[in-house]
């Protein structure tokens, strides 16, 4: 992973933390620190640790896409 602590903190500050799945402003089902995709379902609840893990997984996917 290429992102550092300051980058992670910035993402977290913009995204905010939601431990229950919700529809974002454009109607996308979202959870944690802005995680979206097939793994998110209505009524889903996660812990802060699970939100951190989703963020890290999402970052790997996006960093790979940029690379």
Protein backbone atom coordinates (compact mmCIF):
# COMPACT_ATOMS: atom_id res chain seq x y z
CA UNK A 1 0.00 0.00 0.00
CA UNK A 2 1.25 3.45 -0.91
CA UNK A 3 -1.01 5.68 1.15
CA UNK A 4 0.28 6.93 4.49
CA UNK A 5 -1.42 7.76 7.77
CA UNK A 6 -2.11 11.35 6.74
CA UNK A 7 -3.81 10.17 3.56
CA UNK A 8 -5.92 7.65 5.48
CA UNK A 9 -6.90 10.31 8.00
CA UNK A 10 -7.90 12.65 5.17
CA UNK A 11 -10.10 10.00 3.53
CA UNK A 12 -11.71 9.20 6.88
CA UNK A 13 -12.41 12.87 7.56
CA UNK A 14 -14.12 13.34 4.19
CA UNK A 15 -16.04 10.06 4.23
CA UNK A 16 -17.04 9.88 7.87
CA UNK A 17 -17.81 6.58 9.57
CA UNK A 18 -21.21 4.89 9.29
CA UNK A 19 -21.52 1.49 10.94
CA UNK A 20 -24.94 0.78 9.42
CA UNK A 21 -25.53 0.56 5.67
CA UNK A 22 -27.22 3.61 4.16
CA UNK A 23 -27.96 5.15 0.79
CA UNK A 24 -25.58 8.01 0.01
CA UNK A 25 -26.56 11.29 -1.67
CA UNK A 26 -26.71 9.67 -5.12
CA UNK A 27 -28.52 6.53 -3.98
CA UNK A 28 -25.59 4.11 -3.66
CA UNK A 29 -25.69 1.65 -0.76
CA UNK A 30 -22.67 2.48 1.41
CA UNK A 31 -21.11 1.44 4.73
CA UNK A 32 -18.03 2.17 6.82
CA UNK A 33 -15.77 4.84 5.36
CA UNK A 34 -17.59 5.01 2.03
CA UNK A 35 -17.34 1.37 1.02
CA UNK A 36 -19.70 0.32 -1.78
CA UNK A 37 -20.23 -2.84 -3.81
CA UNK A 38 -21.82 -6.29 -3.70
CA UNK A 39 -20.69 -6.81 -0.11
CA UNK A 40 -22.98 -4.03 1.20
CA UNK A 41 -26.63 -4.84 1.90
CA UNK A 42 -29.52 -2.95 3.47
CA UNK A 43 -29.72 -3.54 7.22
CA UNK A 44 -26.04 -4.49 7.46
CA UNK A 45 -24.16 -3.42 10.58
CA UNK A 46 -20.39 -3.60 11.08
CA UNK A 47 -17.85 -2.72 13.76
CA UNK A 48 -15.26 0.02 13.50
CA UNK A 49 -12.61 -2.67 12.99
CA UNK A 50 -14.60 -4.10 10.08
CA UNK A 51 -14.93 -0.60 8.61
CA UNK A 52 -11.14 -0.20 8.82
CA UNK A 53 -10.66 -3.53 7.05
CA UNK A 54 -13.09 -2.54 4.28
CA UNK A 55 -11.26 0.76 3.82
CA UNK A 56 -7.93 -1.01 3.49
CA UNK A 57 -9.39 -3.51 1.01
CA UNK A 58 -10.93 -0.71 -1.04
CA UNK A 59 -7.64 1.23 -1.04
CA UNK A 60 -5.72 -1.75 -2.39
CA UNK A 61 -8.25 -2.09 -5.19
CA UNK A 62 -8.08 1.60 -6.11
CA UNK A 63 -4.29 1.78 -5.83
CA UNK A 64 -4.01 -1.21 -8.16
CA UNK A 65 -6.31 0.55 -10.61
CA UNK A 66 -4.15 3.67 -10.55
CA UNK A 67 -0.95 1.70 -10.94
